[in-house]
Amino acid sequence: MTLRINGKDHAVDADPTMPLLWVLRDILNMTGTKYGCGVAACGACTVHLNGAAMRSCILPVSAAEGKEIKTIEAIGETELSAVQKAWIDHQVPQCGYCQSGMIMAVEALLRDIPNPTDDDINTRITNICRCGTYQRIKEAIKTAAQYRTEKKDEKEQKEIVNV
């Protein structure tokens, strides 16, 4: 089967029932996506499937065929994303294990809800942080939303000037 991951096609020989997580990590050596629980509870394995945050530890690879898969490796490829910048500014990571899944979940949240409320964050970000940095995570999400708004405003201003 062929999987489209981070904009590139990958031919994969895997059992169709194998979880996408293991295809990414063991077959394609893309180890940014983490194994945490194996039951889709913790979110360490979060990737985007056609833009939606999905837990890859229980998703059969066959369900991802023909869809666009985005992993943490694609976030901040050329420059840090707003979420990554906010993570650094708020010193969110402690042990760092949950970070790739958490960042993927937040990227999807901010794409869908550019200025999320606390309720939006609490409802959509269900990933587990074993270090308990939830308050910093929430603050970083709000900062990332602000950074994205500022970047959008700067882009619009440049377009106006260039007209």
C-alpha atoms as a PDB file:
ATOM      1  CA  MET A   1       0.000   0.000   0.000  1.00  0.00           C
ATOM      2  CA  THR A   2       1.036   3.607  -0.454  1.00  0.00           C
ATOM      3  CA  LEU A   3       0.784   6.134   2.357  1.00  0.00           C
ATOM      4  CA  ARG A   4       1.030   9.881   1.852  1.00  0.00           C
ATOM      5  CA  ILE A   5       2.952  11.205   4.853  1.00  0.00           C
ATOM      6  CA  ASN A   6       4.052  14.812   5.240  1.00  0.00           C
ATOM      7  CA  GLY A   7       3.511  15.410   1.536  1.00  0.00           C
ATOM      8  CA  LYS A   8       5.515  12.403   0.331  1.00  0.00           C
ATOM      9  CA  ASP A   9       4.388   8.980  -0.848  1.00  0.00           C
ATOM     10  CA  HIS A  10       5.760   5.924   0.959  1.00  0.00           C
ATOM     11  CA  ALA A  11       5.318   2.367  -0.308  1.00  0.00           C
ATOM     12  CA  VAL A  12       4.663   0.195   2.734  1.00  0.00           C
ATOM     13  CA  ASP A  13       4.454  -3.567   3.061  1.00  0.00           C
ATOM     14  CA  ALA A  14       2.472  -4.062   6.252  1.00  0.00           C
ATOM     15  CA  ASP A  15      -0.446  -6.068   7.578  1.00  0.00           C
ATOM     16  CA  PRO A  16      -3.516  -3.854   6.950  1.00  0.00           C
ATOM     17  CA  THR A  17      -4.517  -4.239  10.610  1.00  0.00           C
ATOM     18  CA  MET A  18      -1.148  -3.026  11.944  1.00  0.00           C
ATOM     19  CA  PRO A  19      -1.607   0.244  13.830  1.00  0.00           C
ATOM     20  CA  LEU A  20      -0.377   3.278  11.911  1.00  0.00           C
ATOM     21  CA  LEU A  21       1.887   4.124  14.858  1.00  0.00           C
ATOM     22  CA  TRP A  22       3.982   0.994  14.315  1.00  0.00           C
ATOM     23  CA  VAL A  23       4.174   1.550  10.569  1.00  0.00           C
ATOM     24  CA  LEU A  24       5.480   5.061  11.201  1.00  0.00           C
ATOM     25  CA  ARG A  25       7.960   4.046  13.890  1.00  0.00           C
ATOM     26  CA  ASP A  26       9.083   0.533  12.956  1.00  0.00           C
ATOM     27  CA  ILE A  27       8.790   0.418   9.182  1.00  0.00           C
ATOM     28  CA  LEU A  28       9.406   4.047   8.181  1.00  0.00           C
ATOM     29  CA  ASN A  29      11.690   5.003  11.108  1.00  0.00           C
ATOM     30  CA  MET A  30       9.648   8.139  11.822  1.00  0.00           C
ATOM     31  CA  THR A  31      10.061   8.090  15.588  1.00  0.00           C
ATOM     32  CA  GLY A  32       8.659  11.511  16.492  1.00  0.00           C
ATOM     33  CA  THR A  33       5.235   9.970  17.087  1.00  0.00           C
ATOM     34  CA  LYS A  34       5.362   8.227  20.472  1.00  0.00           C
ATOM     35  CA  TYR A  35       3.811   5.109  21.977  1.00  0.00           C
ATOM     36  CA  GLY A  36       2.219   5.858  25.320  1.00  0.00           C
ATOM     37  CA  CYS A  37      -0.652   3.566  26.200  1.00  0.00           C
ATOM     38  CA  GLY A  38      -1.810   1.567  23.187  1.00  0.00           C
ATOM     39  CA  VAL A  39      -5.489   2.285  23.875  1.00  0.00           C
ATOM     40  CA  ALA A  40      -5.850   5.849  22.513  1.00  0.00           C
ATOM     41  CA  ALA A  41      -6.146   7.327  26.000  1.00  0.00           C
ATOM     42  CA  CYS A  42      -2.956   9.373  26.398  1.00  0.00           C
ATOM     43  CA  GLY A  43      -2.508  11.020  22.984  1.00  0.00           C
ATOM     44  CA  ALA A  44       1.265  10.595  22.724  1.00  0.00           C
ATOM     45  CA  CYS A  45       0.633   8.962  19.327  1.00  0.00           C
ATOM     46  CA  THR A  46      -1.447  11.815  17.860  1.00  0.00           C
ATOM     47  CA  VAL A  47      -1.041  12.492  14.136  1.00  0.00           C
ATOM     48  CA  HIS A  48      -3.245  14.329  11.634  1.00  0.00           C
ATOM     49  CA  LEU A  49      -5.324  12.323   9.192  1.00  0.00           C
ATOM     50  CA  ASN A  50      -6.778  14.620   6.532  1.00  0.00           C
ATOM     51  CA  GLY A  51      -6.255  17.426   9.034  1.00  0.00           C
ATOM     52  CA  ALA A  52      -8.021  15.794  11.977  1.00  0.00           C
ATOM     53  CA  ALA A  53      -6.104  14.827  15.110  1.00  0.00           C
ATOM     54  CA  MET A  54      -6.140  11.030  15.388  1.00  0.00           C
ATOM     55  CA  ARG A  55      -4.620   8.562  17.846  1.00  0.00           C
ATOM     56  CA  SER A  56      -2.409   6.371  15.669  1.00  0.00           C
ATOM     57  CA  CYS A  57      -1.905   3.562  18.204  1.00  0.00           C
ATOM     58  CA  ILE A  58      -5.324   2.075  17.433  1.00  0.00           C
ATOM     59  CA  LEU A  59      -5.797   3.244  13.841  1.00  0.00           C
ATOM     60  CA  PRO A  60      -5.274   0.373  11.379  1.00  0.00           C
ATOM     61  CA  VAL A  61      -2.856   1.430   8.656  1.00  0.00           C
ATOM     62  CA  SER A  62      -5.463   0.418   6.064  1.00  0.00           C
ATOM     63  CA  ALA A  63      -7.707   3.232   7.352  1.00  0.00           C
ATOM     64  CA  ALA A  64      -4.964   5.752   6.540  1.00  0.00           C
ATOM     65  CA  GLU A  65      -4.399   4.608   2.962  1.00  0.00           C
ATOM     66  CA  GLY A  66      -5.455   7.278   0.468  1.00  0.00           C
ATOM     67  CA  LYS A  67      -5.481   9.983   3.127  1.00  0.00           C
ATOM     68  CA  GLU A  68      -2.991  12.725   3.974  1.00  0.00           C
ATOM     69  CA  ILE A  69      -1.052  11.838   7.109  1.00  0.00           C
ATOM     70  CA  LYS A  70       0.876  14.546   8.933  1.00  0.00           C
ATOM     71  CA  THR A  71       3.300  13.757  11.736  1.00  0.00           C
ATOM     72  CA  ILE A  72       5.273  15.885  14.164  1.00  0.00           C
ATOM     73  CA  GLU A  73       8.207  15.725  11.744  1.00  0.00           C
ATOM     74  CA  ALA A  74       6.287  18.100   9.434  1.00  0.00           C
ATOM     75  CA  ILE A  75       5.601  20.714  12.113  1.00  0.00           C
ATOM     76  CA  GLY A  76       8.169  23.489  12.031  1.00  0.00           C
ATOM     77  CA  GLU A  77      10.088  21.988   9.104  1.00  0.00           C
ATOM     78  CA  THR A  78      11.346  25.343   7.905  1.00  0.00           C
ATOM     79  CA  GLU A  79      10.753  27.487  10.989  1.00  0.00           C
ATOM     80  CA  LEU A  80       9.199  26.956  14.395  1.00  0.00           C
ATOM     81  CA  SER A  81       5.413  26.945  14.333  1.00  0.00           C
ATOM     82  CA  ALA A  82       3.452  29.332  16.550  1.00  0.00           C
ATOM     83  CA  VAL A  83       2.696  26.395  18.846  1.00  0.00           C
ATOM     84  CA  GLN A  84       6.361  25.430  19.129  1.00  0.00           C
ATOM     85  CA  LYS A  85       7.322  29.047  19.878  1.00  0.00           C
ATOM     86  CA  ALA A  86       4.642  29.304  22.560  1.00  0.00           C
ATOM     87  CA  TRP A  87       5.758  25.964  24.032  1.00  0.00           C
ATOM     88  CA  ILE A  88       9.265  27.368  24.427  1.00  0.00           C
ATOM     89  CA  ASP A  89       8.054  30.731  25.766  1.00  0.00           C
ATOM     90  CA  HIS A  90       5.950  29.029  28.456  1.00  0.00           C
ATOM     91  CA  GLN A  91       8.513  26.303  29.184  1.00  0.00           C
ATOM     92  CA  VAL A  92       5.862  23.639  28.668  1.00  0.00           C
ATOM     93  CA  PRO A  93       8.043  20.540  28.232  1.00  0.00           C
ATOM     94  CA  GLN A  94       9.304  18.734  31.276  1.00  0.00           C
ATOM     95  CA  CYS A  95      10.133  15.140  30.375  1.00  0.00           C
ATOM     96  CA  GLY A  96       8.980  15.837  26.801  1.00  0.00           C
ATOM     97  CA  TYR A  97       7.434  12.451  26.116  1.00  0.00           C
ATOM     98  CA  CYS A  98       3.912  13.715  25.416  1.00  0.00           C
ATOM     99  CA  GLN A  99       5.023  16.774  23.498  1.00  0.00           C
ATOM    100  CA  SER A 100       4.776  15.511  19.918  1.00  0.00           C
ATOM    101  CA  GLY A 101       1.215  14.287  20.430  1.00  0.00           C
ATOM    102  CA  MET A 102       0.250  17.356  22.428  1.00  0.00           C
ATOM    103  CA  ILE A 103       1.606  19.710  19.755  1.00  0.00           C
ATOM    104  CA  MET A 104      -0.223  17.792  17.013  1.00  0.00           C
ATOM    105  CA  ALA A 105      -3.501  18.014  18.972  1.00  0.00           C
ATOM    106  CA  VAL A 106      -3.016  21.756  19.545  1.00  0.00           C
ATOM    107  CA  GLU A 107      -2.142  22.414  15.886  1.00  0.00           C
ATOM    108  CA  ALA A 108      -5.449  20.754  14.895  1.00  0.00           C
ATOM    109  CA  LEU A 109      -7.376  22.686  17.555  1.00  0.00           C
ATOM    110  CA  LEU A 110      -6.016  26.043  16.399  1.00  0.00           C
ATOM    111  CA  ARG A 111      -6.706  25.230  12.757  1.00  0.00           C
ATOM    112  CA  ASP A 112     -10.350  24.527  13.634  1.00  0.00           C
ATOM    113  CA  ILE A 113     -10.800  27.154  16.355  1.00  0.00           C
ATOM    114  CA  PRO A 114      -8.324  30.028  15.882  1.00  0.00           C
ATOM    115  CA  ASN A 115      -9.083  31.632  19.270  1.00  0.00           C
ATOM    116  CA  PRO A 116     -10.189  28.830  21.579  1.00  0.00           C
ATOM    117  CA  THR A 117     -11.853  29.408  24.920  1.00  0.00           C
ATOM    118  CA  ASP A 118     -10.908  27.460  28.038  1.00  0.00           C
ATOM    119  CA  ASP A 119     -13.891  25.204  27.365  1.00  0.00           C
ATOM    120  CA  ASP A 120     -12.685  24.576  23.794  1.00  0.00           C
ATOM    121  CA  ILE A 121      -9.239  23.668  25.090  1.00  0.00           C
ATOM    122  CA  ASN A 122     -10.603  21.420  27.841  1.00  0.00           C
ATOM    123  CA  THR A 123     -12.915  19.650  25.387  1.00  0.00           C
ATOM    124  CA  ARG A 124     -10.460  19.178  22.511  1.00  0.00           C
ATOM    125  CA  ILE A 125      -7.107  18.668  24.248  1.00  0.00           C
ATOM    126  CA  THR A 126      -7.527  15.375  26.060  1.00  0.00           C
ATOM    127  CA  ASN A 127      -3.892  14.304  25.839  1.00  0.00           C
ATOM    128  CA  ILE A 128      -2.247  13.267  29.078  1.00  0.00           C
ATOM    129  CA  CYS A 129       0.856  15.027  30.396  1.00  0.00           C
ATOM    130  CA  ARG A 130       2.435  12.861  33.066  1.00  0.00           C
ATOM    131  CA  CYS A 131       4.387  15.876  34.361  1.00  0.00           C
ATOM    132  CA  GLY A 132       1.165  17.830  34.932  1.00  0.00           C
ATOM    133  CA  THR A 133       2.024  20.997  32.989  1.00  0.00           C
ATOM    134  CA  TYR A 134      -1.618  21.556  32.054  1.00  0.00           C
ATOM    135  CA  GLN A 135      -1.740  25.210  33.159  1.00  0.00           C
ATOM    136  CA  ARG A 136       1.355  26.015  31.084  1.00  0.00           C
ATOM    137  CA  ILE A 137      -0.136  24.084  28.161  1.00  0.00           C
ATOM    138  CA  LYS A 138      -3.335  26.133  28.337  1.00  0.00           C
ATOM    139  CA  GLU A 139      -1.370  29.398  28.523  1.00  0.00           C
ATOM    140  CA  ALA A 140       0.827  28.312  25.604  1.00  0.00           C
ATOM    141  CA  ILE A 141      -2.242  27.473  23.498  1.00  0.00           C
ATOM    142  CA  LYS A 142      -3.606  30.975  24.029  1.00  0.00           C
ATOM    143  CA  THR A 143      -0.214  32.488  23.205  1.00  0.00           C
ATOM    144  CA  ALA A 144       0.059  30.370  20.053  1.00  0.00           C
ATOM    145  CA  ALA A 145      -3.382  31.583  18.979  1.00  0.00           C
ATOM    146  CA  GLN A 146      -2.181  35.166  19.490  1.00  0.00           C
ATOM    147  CA  TYR A 147       1.031  34.493  17.505  1.00  0.00           C
ATOM    148  CA  ARG A 148      -1.017  33.053  14.640  1.00  0.00           C
ATOM    149  CA  THR A 149      -3.318  36.082  14.632  1.00  0.00           C
ATOM    150  CA  GLU A 150      -0.326  38.443  14.600  1.00  0.00           C
ATOM    151  CA  LYS A 151       1.285  36.517  11.746  1.00  0.00           C
ATOM    152  CA  LYS A 152      -1.974  36.578   9.763  1.00  0.00           C
ATOM    153  CA  ASP A 153      -2.274  40.346  10.360  1.00  0.00           C
ATOM    154  CA  GLU A 154       1.332  40.879   9.202  1.00  0.00           C
ATOM    155  CA  LYS A 155       0.681  38.845   6.054  1.00  0.00           C
ATOM    156  CA  GLU A 156      -2.480  40.826   5.275  1.00  0.00           C
ATOM    157  CA  GLN A 157      -0.600  44.109   5.775  1.00  0.00           C
ATOM    158  CA  LYS A 158       2.120  42.983   3.337  1.00  0.00           C
ATOM    159  CA  GLU A 159      -0.541  42.051   0.778  1.00  0.00           C
ATOM    160  CA  ILE A 160      -2.138  45.499   1.095  1.00  0.00           C
ATOM    161  CA  VAL A 161       1.235  47.201   0.626  1.00  0.00           C
ATOM    162  CA  ASN A 162       1.990  45.053  -2.452  1.00  0.00           C
ATOM    163  CA  VAL A 163      -1.307  45.899  -4.170  1.00  0.00           C
END
